[in-house]
PDB file of N, CA and C in Angstrom:
ATOM      1  N   UNK A   1      19.562  -2.800   8.463  1.00  0.00           N
ATOM      2  CA  UNK A   1      18.206  -3.091   7.842  1.00  0.00           C
ATOM      3  C   UNK A   1      18.425  -2.161   6.559  1.00  0.00           C
ATOM      4  N   UNK A   2      17.880  -2.977   5.399  1.00  0.00           N
ATOM      5  CA  UNK A   2      17.744  -2.263   4.304  1.00  0.00           C
ATOM      6  C   UNK A   2      16.508  -1.896   3.639  1.00  0.00           C
ATOM      7  N   UNK A   3      16.835  -0.948   2.960  1.00  0.00           N
ATOM      8  CA  UNK A   3      14.972  -0.172   2.482  1.00  0.00           C
ATOM      9  C   UNK A   3      14.879  -0.845   1.466  1.00  0.00           C
ATOM     10  N   UNK A   4      13.488  -1.357   1.327  1.00  0.00           N
ATOM     11  CA  UNK A   4      12.584  -1.766   0.148  1.00  0.00           C
ATOM     12  C   UNK A   4      12.499  -1.184  -0.990  1.00  0.00           C
ATOM     13  N   UNK A   5      13.407  -1.898  -1.986  1.00  0.00           N
ATOM     14  CA  UNK A   5      13.204  -0.929  -2.973  1.00  0.00           C
ATOM     15  C   UNK A   5      11.577  -0.263  -3.840  1.00  0.00           C
ATOM     16  N   UNK A   6      11.544   0.565  -4.322  1.00  0.00           N
ATOM     17  CA  UNK A   6      10.063   0.763  -5.224  1.00  0.00           C
ATOM     18  C   UNK A   6      10.664   0.704  -6.495  1.00  0.00           C
ATOM     19  N   UNK A   7       9.773   0.764  -7.742  1.00  0.00           N
ATOM     20  CA  UNK A   7       9.409   0.939  -8.680  1.00  0.00           C
ATOM     21  C   UNK A   7       8.437   1.333  -9.157  1.00  0.00           C
ATOM     22  N   UNK A   8       9.007   2.250 -10.361  1.00  0.00           N
ATOM     23  CA  UNK A   8       7.611   2.970 -11.135  1.00  0.00           C
ATOM     24  C   UNK A   8       6.589   1.863 -11.963  1.00  0.00           C
ATOM     25  N   UNK A   9       5.677   2.538 -11.738  1.00  0.00           N
ATOM     26  CA  UNK A   9       4.959   1.963 -13.015  1.00  0.00           C
ATOM     27  C   UNK A   9       5.269   1.568 -14.393  1.00  0.00           C
ATOM     28  N   UNK A  10       6.209   2.596 -14.794  1.00  0.00           N
ATOM     29  CA  UNK A  10       6.828   2.622 -16.144  1.00  0.00           C
ATOM     30  C   UNK A  10       7.694   1.334 -16.253  1.00  0.00           C
ATOM     31  N   UNK A  11       8.438   1.206 -14.908  1.00  0.00           N
ATOM     32  CA  UNK A  11       9.728   0.392 -15.090  1.00  0.00           C
ATOM     33  C   UNK A  11       9.338  -1.294 -15.386  1.00  0.00           C
ATOM     34  N   UNK A  12       7.775  -1.308 -14.203  1.00  0.00           N
ATOM     35  CA  UNK A  12       7.308  -2.722 -13.966  1.00  0.00           C
ATOM     36  C   UNK A  12       6.776  -2.903 -15.354  1.00  0.00           C
ATOM     37  N   UNK A  13       6.163  -2.116 -16.228  1.00  0.00           N
ATOM     38  CA  UNK A  13       5.423  -2.227 -17.678  1.00  0.00           C
ATOM     39  C   UNK A  13       6.574  -2.281 -18.769  1.00  0.00           C
ATOM     40  N   UNK A  14       7.762  -1.805 -18.696  1.00  0.00           N
ATOM     41  CA  UNK A  14       8.748  -2.316 -19.799  1.00  0.00           C
ATOM     42  C   UNK A  14       9.325  -3.456 -19.326  1.00  0.00           C
ATOM     43  N   UNK A  15       9.439  -3.642 -17.980  1.00  0.00           N
ATOM     44  CA  UNK A  15      10.144  -5.160 -17.805  1.00  0.00           C
ATOM     45  C   UNK A  15       9.170  -6.504 -18.128  1.00  0.00           C
ATOM     46  N   UNK A  16       8.068  -6.031 -18.220  1.00  0.00           N
ATOM     47  CA  UNK A  16       7.224  -7.057 -18.203  1.00  0.00           C
ATOM     48  C   UNK A  16       7.140  -7.167 -19.727  1.00  0.00           C
ATOM     49  N   UNK A  17       6.906  -6.172 -20.462  1.00  0.00           N
ATOM     50  CA  UNK A  17       7.217  -6.002 -22.161  1.00  0.00           C
ATOM     51  C   UNK A  17       8.727  -6.760 -22.145  1.00  0.00           C
ATOM     52  N   UNK A  18       9.470  -6.148 -21.968  1.00  0.00           N
ATOM     53  CA  UNK A  18      10.964  -6.839 -22.269  1.00  0.00           C
ATOM     54  C   UNK A  18      10.855  -8.612 -22.076  1.00  0.00           C
ATOM     55  N   UNK A  19      10.183  -8.893 -20.749  1.00  0.00           N
ATOM     56  CA  UNK A  19      10.179 -10.487 -20.759  1.00  0.00           C
ATOM     57  C   UNK A  19       9.229 -11.299 -21.631  1.00  0.00           C
ATOM     58  N   UNK A  20       8.500 -10.484 -22.338  1.00  0.00           N
ATOM     59  CA  UNK A  20       7.636 -11.245 -23.596  1.00  0.00           C
ATOM     60  C   UNK A  20       7.823 -11.237 -24.985  1.00  0.00           C
ATOM     61  N   UNK A  21       9.561 -11.023 -24.900  1.00  0.00           N
ATOM     62  CA  UNK A  21      10.097 -11.347 -25.801  1.00  0.00           C
ATOM     63  C   UNK A  21      10.344 -12.541 -26.545  1.00  0.00           C
ATOM     64  N   UNK A  22      10.539 -13.085 -27.629  1.00  0.00           N
ATOM     65  CA  UNK A  22      10.389 -14.543 -28.001  1.00  0.00           C
ATOM     66  C   UNK A  22      11.974 -14.757 -27.648  1.00  0.00           C
ATOM     67  N   UNK A  23      11.893 -15.758 -27.494  1.00  0.00           N
ATOM     68  CA  UNK A  23      13.399 -16.455 -27.260  1.00  0.00           C
ATOM     69  C   UNK A  23      14.852 -15.745 -25.888  1.00  0.00           C
ATOM     70  N   UNK A  24      13.437 -15.158 -25.155  1.00  0.00           N
ATOM     71  CA  UNK A  24      14.521 -14.750 -23.720  1.00  0.00           C
ATOM     72  C   UNK A  24      13.596 -15.298 -22.684  1.00  0.00           C
ATOM     73  N   UNK A  25      14.711 -15.659 -21.320  1.00  0.00           N
ATOM     74  CA  UNK A  25      13.651 -16.063 -20.033  1.00  0.00           C
ATOM     75  C   UNK A  25      13.246 -15.242 -19.543  1.00  0.00           C
ATOM     76  N   UNK A  26      12.481 -15.223 -18.351  1.00  0.00           N
ATOM     77  CA  UNK A  26      12.378 -14.255 -17.484  1.00  0.00           C
ATOM     78  C   UNK A  26      13.346 -14.513 -16.747  1.00  0.00           C
ATOM     79  N   UNK A  27      13.833 -15.155 -16.044  1.00  0.00           N
ATOM     80  CA  UNK A  27      15.503 -15.029 -15.737  1.00  0.00           C
ATOM     81  C   UNK A  27      16.277 -14.032 -15.955  1.00  0.00           C
ATOM     82  N   UNK A  28      17.039 -14.290 -17.143  1.00  0.00           N
ATOM     83  CA  UNK A  28      17.487 -13.316 -18.030  1.00  0.00           C
ATOM     84  C   UNK A  28      17.015 -11.755 -18.141  1.00  0.00           C
ATOM     85  N   UNK A  29      15.863 -11.439 -18.228  1.00  0.00           N
ATOM     86  CA  UNK A  29      15.717 -10.601 -18.541  1.00  0.00           C
ATOM     87  C   UNK A  29      15.512  -9.656 -16.940  1.00  0.00           C
ATOM     88  N   UNK A  30      14.991 -10.449 -15.732  1.00  0.00           N
ATOM     89  CA  UNK A  30      15.365  -9.917 -14.534  1.00  0.00           C
ATOM     90  C   UNK A  30      16.708  -9.766 -14.032  1.00  0.00           C
ATOM     91  N   UNK A  31      17.561 -11.022 -14.519  1.00  0.00           N
ATOM     92  CA  UNK A  31      19.411 -10.621 -14.080  1.00  0.00           C
ATOM     93  C   UNK A  31      19.714  -9.182 -14.698  1.00  0.00           C
ATOM     94  N   UNK A  32      19.132  -9.052 -15.875  1.00  0.00           N
ATOM     95  CA  UNK A  32      19.722  -7.864 -16.668  1.00  0.00           C
ATOM     96  C   UNK A  32      19.190  -6.646 -16.168  1.00  0.00           C
ATOM     97  N   UNK A  33      18.067  -6.531 -15.617  1.00  0.00           N
ATOM     98  CA  UNK A  33      17.786  -5.465 -14.673  1.00  0.00           C
ATOM     99  C   UNK A  33      17.539  -5.382 -13.124  1.00  0.00           C
ATOM    100  N   UNK A  34      18.094  -6.207 -12.885  1.00  0.00           N
ATOM    101  CA  UNK A  34      18.889  -6.308 -11.318  1.00  0.00           C
ATOM    102  C   UNK A  34      17.468  -6.955 -10.102  1.00  0.00           C
ATOM    103  N   UNK A  35      17.076  -7.172 -10.709  1.00  0.00           N
ATOM    104  CA  UNK A  35      15.624  -7.814  -9.982  1.00  0.00           C
ATOM    105  C   UNK A  35      15.436  -9.114  -9.843  1.00  0.00           C
ATOM    106  N   UNK A  36      14.521  -9.800  -9.020  1.00  0.00           N
ATOM    107  CA  UNK A  36      14.505 -11.458  -8.908  1.00  0.00           C
ATOM    108  C   UNK A  36      13.187 -12.102 -10.224  1.00  0.00           C
ATOM    109  N   UNK A  37      13.812 -12.792 -10.254  1.00  0.00           N
ATOM    110  CA  UNK A  37      12.386 -13.931 -11.196  1.00  0.00           C
ATOM    111  C   UNK A  37      11.120 -14.014 -10.873  1.00  0.00           C
ATOM    112  N   UNK A  38      11.490 -13.926 -10.031  1.00  0.00           N
ATOM    113  CA  UNK A  38       9.855 -14.111  -8.908  1.00  0.00           C
ATOM    114  C   UNK A  38       9.077 -13.060  -9.331  1.00  0.00           C
ATOM    115  N   UNK A  39       9.872 -11.744  -8.830  1.00  0.00           N
ATOM    116  CA  UNK A  39       9.639 -10.382  -9.104  1.00  0.00           C
ATOM    117  C   UNK A  39       8.633 -10.272 -10.019  1.00  0.00           C
ATOM    118  N   UNK A  40       9.217 -10.670 -11.261  1.00  0.00           N
ATOM    119  CA  UNK A  40       9.351 -10.102 -12.568  1.00  0.00           C
ATOM    120  C   UNK A  40       7.809 -11.107 -13.162  1.00  0.00           C
ATOM    121  N   UNK A  41       8.171 -12.159 -12.656  1.00  0.00           N
ATOM    122  CA  UNK A  41       6.878 -13.515 -13.014  1.00  0.00           C
ATOM    123  C   UNK A  41       5.368 -12.774 -11.821  1.00  0.00           C
ATOM    124  N   UNK A  42       5.904 -12.207 -11.118  1.00  0.00           N
ATOM    125  CA  UNK A  42       4.353 -11.598 -10.091  1.00  0.00           C
ATOM    126  C   UNK A  42       3.965 -10.525 -11.229  1.00  0.00           C
ATOM    127  N   UNK A  43       4.933  -9.448 -11.286  1.00  0.00           N
ATOM    128  CA  UNK A  43       4.349  -8.504 -12.536  1.00  0.00           C
ATOM    129  C   UNK A  43       3.734  -8.879 -13.809  1.00  0.00           C
ATOM    130  N   UNK A  44       4.327  -9.902 -14.084  1.00  0.00           N
ATOM    131  CA  UNK A  44       3.160 -10.682 -15.170  1.00  0.00           C
ATOM    132  C   UNK A  44       1.923 -10.772 -14.567  1.00  0.00           C
ATOM    133  N   UNK A  45       1.999 -11.892 -13.960  1.00  0.00           N
ATOM    134  CA  UNK A  45       0.680 -12.119 -13.331  1.00  0.00           C
ATOM    135  C   UNK A  45      -0.254 -11.404 -13.270  1.00  0.00           C
ATOM    136  N   UNK A  46       0.126  -9.969 -12.620  1.00  0.00           N
ATOM    137  CA  UNK A  46      -0.529  -8.626 -12.561  1.00  0.00           C
ATOM    138  C   UNK A  46      -0.944  -7.774 -13.340  1.00  0.00           C
ATOM    139  N   UNK A  47      -0.207  -7.834 -14.297  1.00  0.00           N
ATOM    140  CA  UNK A  47      -0.419  -6.956 -15.357  1.00  0.00           C
ATOM    141  C   UNK A  47      -1.347  -8.179 -16.453  1.00  0.00           C
ATOM    142  N   UNK A  48      -1.388  -9.437 -16.545  1.00  0.00           N
ATOM    143  CA  UNK A  48      -2.460 -10.314 -17.230  1.00  0.00           C
ATOM    144  C   UNK A  48      -3.719  -9.901 -16.185  1.00  0.00           C
ATOM    145  N   UNK A  49      -3.418 -10.123 -15.372  1.00  0.00           N
ATOM    146  CA  UNK A  49      -4.794  -9.957 -14.656  1.00  0.00           C
ATOM    147  C   UNK A  49      -5.722  -8.616 -14.469  1.00  0.00           C
ATOM    148  N   UNK A  50      -4.835  -7.312 -14.352  1.00  0.00           N
ATOM    149  CA  UNK A  50      -5.826  -6.296 -14.286  1.00  0.00           C
ATOM    150  C   UNK A  50      -4.981  -5.207 -15.451  1.00  0.00           C
ATOM    151  N   UNK A  51      -4.647  -5.785 -16.646  1.00  0.00           N
ATOM    152  CA  UNK A  51      -4.095  -4.790 -17.588  1.00  0.00           C
ATOM    153  C   UNK A  51      -3.997  -3.917 -17.853  1.00  0.00           C
ATOM    154  N   UNK A  52      -4.840  -2.503 -18.354  1.00  0.00           N
ATOM    155  CA  UNK A  52      -4.065  -1.160 -17.945  1.00  0.00           C
ATOM    156  C   UNK A  52      -4.043  -0.766 -16.706  1.00  0.00           C
ATOM    157  N   UNK A  53      -4.864  -1.288 -15.722  1.00  0.00           N
ATOM    158  CA  UNK A  53      -4.992  -1.088 -14.325  1.00  0.00           C
ATOM    159  C   UNK A  53      -4.195  -1.617 -13.537  1.00  0.00           C
ATOM    160  N   UNK A  54      -2.734  -2.376 -14.459  1.00  0.00           N
ATOM    161  CA  UNK A  54      -1.925  -2.691 -13.061  1.00  0.00           C
ATOM    162  C   UNK A  54      -0.993  -1.661 -12.814  1.00  0.00           C
ATOM    163  N   UNK A  55      -0.712  -2.028 -11.689  1.00  0.00           N
ATOM    164  CA  UNK A  55       0.425  -0.726 -11.248  1.00  0.00           C
ATOM    165  C   UNK A  55       0.219   0.303 -11.130  1.00  0.00           C
ATOM    166  N   UNK A  56      -1.033   0.412 -10.456  1.00  0.00           N
ATOM    167  CA  UNK A  56      -1.519   1.943 -10.237  1.00  0.00           C
ATOM    168  C   UNK A  56      -0.893   2.982  -9.246  1.00  0.00           C
ATOM    169  N   UNK A  57      -0.344   2.209  -8.482  1.00  0.00           N
ATOM    170  CA  UNK A  57       0.714   3.019  -7.387  1.00  0.00           C
ATOM    171  C   UNK A  57       0.984   2.752  -6.076  1.00  0.00           C
ATOM    172  N   UNK A  58       0.859   3.389  -5.073  1.00  0.00           N
ATOM    173  CA  UNK A  58       1.382   2.880  -4.012  1.00  0.00           C
ATOM    174  C   UNK A  58       0.631   2.684  -2.402  1.00  0.00           C
ATOM    175  N   UNK A  59      -0.747   2.064  -2.912  1.00  0.00           N
ATOM    176  CA  UNK A  59      -1.429   1.981  -1.666  1.00  0.00           C
ATOM    177  C   UNK A  59      -2.045   3.297  -1.278  1.00  0.00           C
ATOM    178  N   UNK A  60      -2.336   4.065  -2.646  1.00  0.00           N
ATOM    179  CA  UNK A  60      -3.228   5.284  -1.973  1.00  0.00           C
ATOM    180  C   UNK A  60      -4.483   4.915  -1.219  1.00  0.00           C
ATOM    181  N   UNK A  61      -5.776   3.904  -1.849  1.00  0.00           N
ATOM    182  CA  UNK A  61      -6.547   3.703  -0.851  1.00  0.00           C
ATOM    183  C   UNK A  61      -5.949   3.470   0.627  1.00  0.00           C
ATOM    184  N   UNK A  62      -5.272   2.628   0.502  1.00  0.00           N
ATOM    185  CA  UNK A  62      -4.843   2.184   1.927  1.00  0.00           C
ATOM    186  C   UNK A  62      -4.362   3.497   2.721  1.00  0.00           C
ATOM    187  N   UNK A  63      -3.870   4.581   2.565  1.00  0.00           N
ATOM    188  CA  UNK A  63      -3.690   5.591   3.082  1.00  0.00           C
ATOM    189  C   UNK A  63      -5.000   6.463   3.481  1.00  0.00           C
ATOM    190  N   UNK A  64      -5.743   6.569   2.469  1.00  0.00           N
ATOM    191  CA  UNK A  64      -6.839   7.496   3.047  1.00  0.00           C
ATOM    192  C   UNK A  64      -7.764   6.535   3.791  1.00  0.00           C
ATOM    193  N   UNK A  65      -7.679   5.777   3.726  1.00  0.00           N
ATOM    194  CA  UNK A  65      -8.367   5.011   4.927  1.00  0.00           C
ATOM    195  C   UNK A  65      -7.228   5.384   5.922  1.00  0.00           C
ATOM    196  N   UNK A  66      -5.973   4.848   6.465  1.00  0.00           N
ATOM    197  CA  UNK A  66      -5.486   5.217   7.329  1.00  0.00           C
ATOM    198  C   UNK A  66      -5.621   6.742   8.215  1.00  0.00           C
ATOM    199  N   UNK A  67      -5.704   7.920   6.963  1.00  0.00           N
ATOM    200  CA  UNK A  67      -6.097   8.896   7.552  1.00  0.00           C
ATOM    201  C   UNK A  67      -7.703   8.690   8.242  1.00  0.00           C
ATOM    202  N   UNK A  68      -8.764   7.866   7.658  1.00  0.00           N
ATOM    203  CA  UNK A  68      -9.908   8.345   7.870  1.00  0.00           C
ATOM    204  C   UNK A  68     -10.123   7.663   9.251  1.00  0.00           C
ATOM    205  N   UNK A  69      -9.137   6.773   9.744  1.00  0.00           N
ATOM    206  CA  UNK A  69      -9.592   6.099  10.784  1.00  0.00           C
ATOM    207  C   UNK A  69      -8.782   6.982  12.104  1.00  0.00           C
ATOM    208  N   UNK A  70      -7.836   7.610  11.877  1.00  0.00           N
ATOM    209  CA  UNK A  70      -6.936   8.901  12.654  1.00  0.00           C
ATOM    210  C   UNK A  70      -7.722   9.761  13.111  1.00  0.00           C
ATOM    211  N   UNK A  71      -8.622  10.578  12.134  1.00  0.00           N
ATOM    212  CA  UNK A  71      -9.862  11.180  12.347  1.00  0.00           C
ATOM    213  C   UNK A  71     -10.821  10.936  13.507  1.00  0.00           C
ATOM    214  N   UNK A  72     -11.304   9.689  12.627  1.00  0.00           N
ATOM    215  CA  UNK A  72     -12.181   9.211  13.662  1.00  0.00           C
ATOM    216  C   UNK A  72     -11.704   8.997  14.940  1.00  0.00           C
ATOM    217  N   UNK A  73     -10.719   8.046  15.316  1.00  0.00           N
ATOM    218  CA  UNK A  73      -9.860   7.699  16.608  1.00  0.00           C
ATOM    219  C   UNK A  73      -9.868   9.221  17.447  1.00  0.00           C
ATOM    220  N   UNK A  74      -9.419  10.110  16.739  1.00  0.00           N
ATOM    221  CA  UNK A  74      -9.344  11.746  17.693  1.00  0.00           C
ATOM    222  C   UNK A  74     -10.616  12.037  17.868  1.00  0.00           C
ATOM    223  N   UNK A  75     -11.783  12.026  17.255  1.00  0.00           N
ATOM    224  CA  UNK A  75     -13.407  12.424  17.732  1.00  0.00           C
ATOM    225  C   UNK A  75     -13.495  11.134  18.811  1.00  0.00           C
ATOM    226  N   UNK A  76     -13.220  10.167  18.448  1.00  0.00           N
ATOM    227  CA  UNK A  76     -13.765   9.172  19.736  1.00  0.00           C
ATOM    228  C   UNK A  76     -13.124   9.560  20.877  1.00  0.00           C
ATOM    229  N   UNK A  77     -11.642  10.047  20.964  1.00  0.00           N
ATOM    230  CA  UNK A  77     -11.219  10.183  22.574  1.00  0.00           C
ATOM    231  C   UNK A  77     -11.560  11.444  23.051  1.00  0.00           C
ATOM    232  N   UNK A  78     -11.927  12.348  21.993  1.00  0.00           N
ATOM    233  CA  UNK A  78     -12.310  13.614  22.614  1.00  0.00           C
ATOM    234  C   UNK A  78     -13.724  13.621  23.229  1.00  0.00           C
ATOM    235  N   UNK A  79     -14.428  12.766  22.391  1.00  0.00           N
ATOM    236  CA  UNK A  79     -15.847  11.928  23.556  1.00  0.00           C
ATOM    237  C   UNK A  79     -15.512  11.477  24.169  1.00  0.00           C
ATOM    238  N   UNK A  80     -14.839  10.559  24.752  1.00  0.00           N
ATOM    239  CA  UNK A  80     -14.193   9.921  26.025  1.00  0.00           C
ATOM    240  C   UNK A  80     -13.749  10.933  26.777  1.00  0.00           C
ATOM    241  N   UNK A  81     -13.487  11.571  26.866  1.00  0.00           N
ATOM    242  CA  UNK A  81     -12.710  12.769  27.642  1.00  0.00           C
ATOM    243  C   UNK A  81     -14.143  13.776  28.070  1.00  0.00           C
ATOM    244  N   UNK A  82     -14.904  13.879  27.201  1.00  0.00           N
ATOM    245  CA  UNK A  82     -15.725  14.603  27.646  1.00  0.00           C
ATOM    246  C   UNK A  82     -16.410  14.265  28.523  1.00  0.00           C
ATOM    247  N   UNK A  83     -16.912  12.809  27.914  1.00  0.00           N
ATOM    248  CA  UNK A  83     -17.788  11.840  29.098  1.00  0.00           C
ATOM    249  C   UNK A  83     -17.306  11.574  30.550  1.00  0.00           C
ATOM    250  N   UNK A  84     -15.747  11.427  30.597  1.00  0.00           N
ATOM    251  CA  UNK A  84     -15.209  11.262  31.576  1.00  0.00           C
ATOM    252  C   UNK A  84     -15.752  12.567  32.584  1.00  0.00           C
ATOM    253  N   UNK A  85     -15.353  13.831  31.957  1.00  0.00           N
ATOM    254  CA  UNK A  85     -15.296  15.322  33.234  1.00  0.00           C
ATOM    255  C   UNK A  85     -16.565  15.168  33.497  1.00  0.00           C
ATOM    256  N   UNK A  86     -17.475  15.020  32.169  1.00  0.00           N
ATOM    257  CA  UNK A  86     -19.038  15.037  32.802  1.00  0.00           C
ATOM    258  C   UNK A  86     -19.509  14.034  33.781  1.00  0.00           C
ATOM    259  N   UNK A  87     -19.020  12.795  33.831  1.00  0.00           N
ATOM    260  CA  UNK A  87     -19.119  12.135  35.075  1.00  0.00           C
ATOM    261  C   UNK A  87     -18.683  12.674  36.218  1.00  0.00           C
ATOM    262  N   UNK A  88     -17.549  12.834  36.013  1.00  0.00           N
ATOM    263  CA  UNK A  88     -16.738  13.451  37.438  1.00  0.00           C
ATOM    264  C   UNK A  88     -17.706  14.359  37.926  1.00  0.00           C
ATOM    265  N   UNK A  89     -18.083  15.382  37.093  1.00  0.00           N
ATOM    266  CA  UNK A  89     -18.991  16.708  37.705  1.00  0.00           C
ATOM    267  C   UNK A  89     -20.012  16.141  38.403  1.00  0.00           C
ATOM    268  N   UNK A  90     -21.033  15.435  38.035  1.00  0.00           N
ATOM    269  CA  UNK A  90     -22.262  15.015  37.768  1.00  0.00           C
ATOM    270  C   UNK A  90     -22.101  14.145  39.832  1.00  0.00           C
ATOM    271  N   UNK A  91     -21.079  13.464  39.493  1.00  0.00           N
ATOM    272  CA  UNK A  91     -19.951  12.670  41.089  1.00  0.00           C
ATOM    273  C   UNK A  91     -20.393  13.779  41.514  1.00  0.00           C
ATOM    274  N   UNK A  92     -19.728  14.802  41.795  1.00  0.00           N
ATOM    275  CA  UNK A  92     -19.080  15.595  42.603  1.00  0.00           C
ATOM    276  C   UNK A  92     -20.562  16.558  43.265  1.00  0.00           C
ATOM    277  N   UNK A  93     -21.910  16.487  41.742  1.00  0.00           N
ATOM    278  CA  UNK A  93     -23.152  17.402  42.419  1.00  0.00           C
ATOM    279  C   UNK A  93     -23.715  16.402  43.180  1.00  0.00           C
ATOM    280  N   UNK A  94     -23.740  15.140  42.761  1.00  0.00           N
ATOM    281  CA  UNK A  94     -24.734  14.177  43.805  1.00  0.00           C
ATOM    282  C   UNK A  94     -24.118  14.010  45.103  1.00  0.00           C
ATOM    283  N   UNK A  95     -23.264  14.446  45.474  1.00  0.00           N
ATOM    284  CA  UNK A  95     -22.394  14.367  47.177  1.00  0.00           C
ATOM    285  C   UNK A  95     -23.459  15.415  47.720  1.00  0.00           C
TER     286      UNK A  95
END
């Protein structure tokens, strides 16, 4: 299985800039850079939509959310284990 290639924001910006040069096609620039024309077209759309905020990073917000959910899961598991032990204790005490 091949590893997914990652491109820096600078590379993406430069590729988009090159593709906007008069007299060249997106396909020509994509071939020269070794990427697909579809990918370059998507980068062009992203930059047109987001402007300066395009190509910010590698899912930082998602990573933060994942870390928060892992912490919450650990807390909930501790609470569950505590409640299991408490239920067992009180079940023994009521006999």
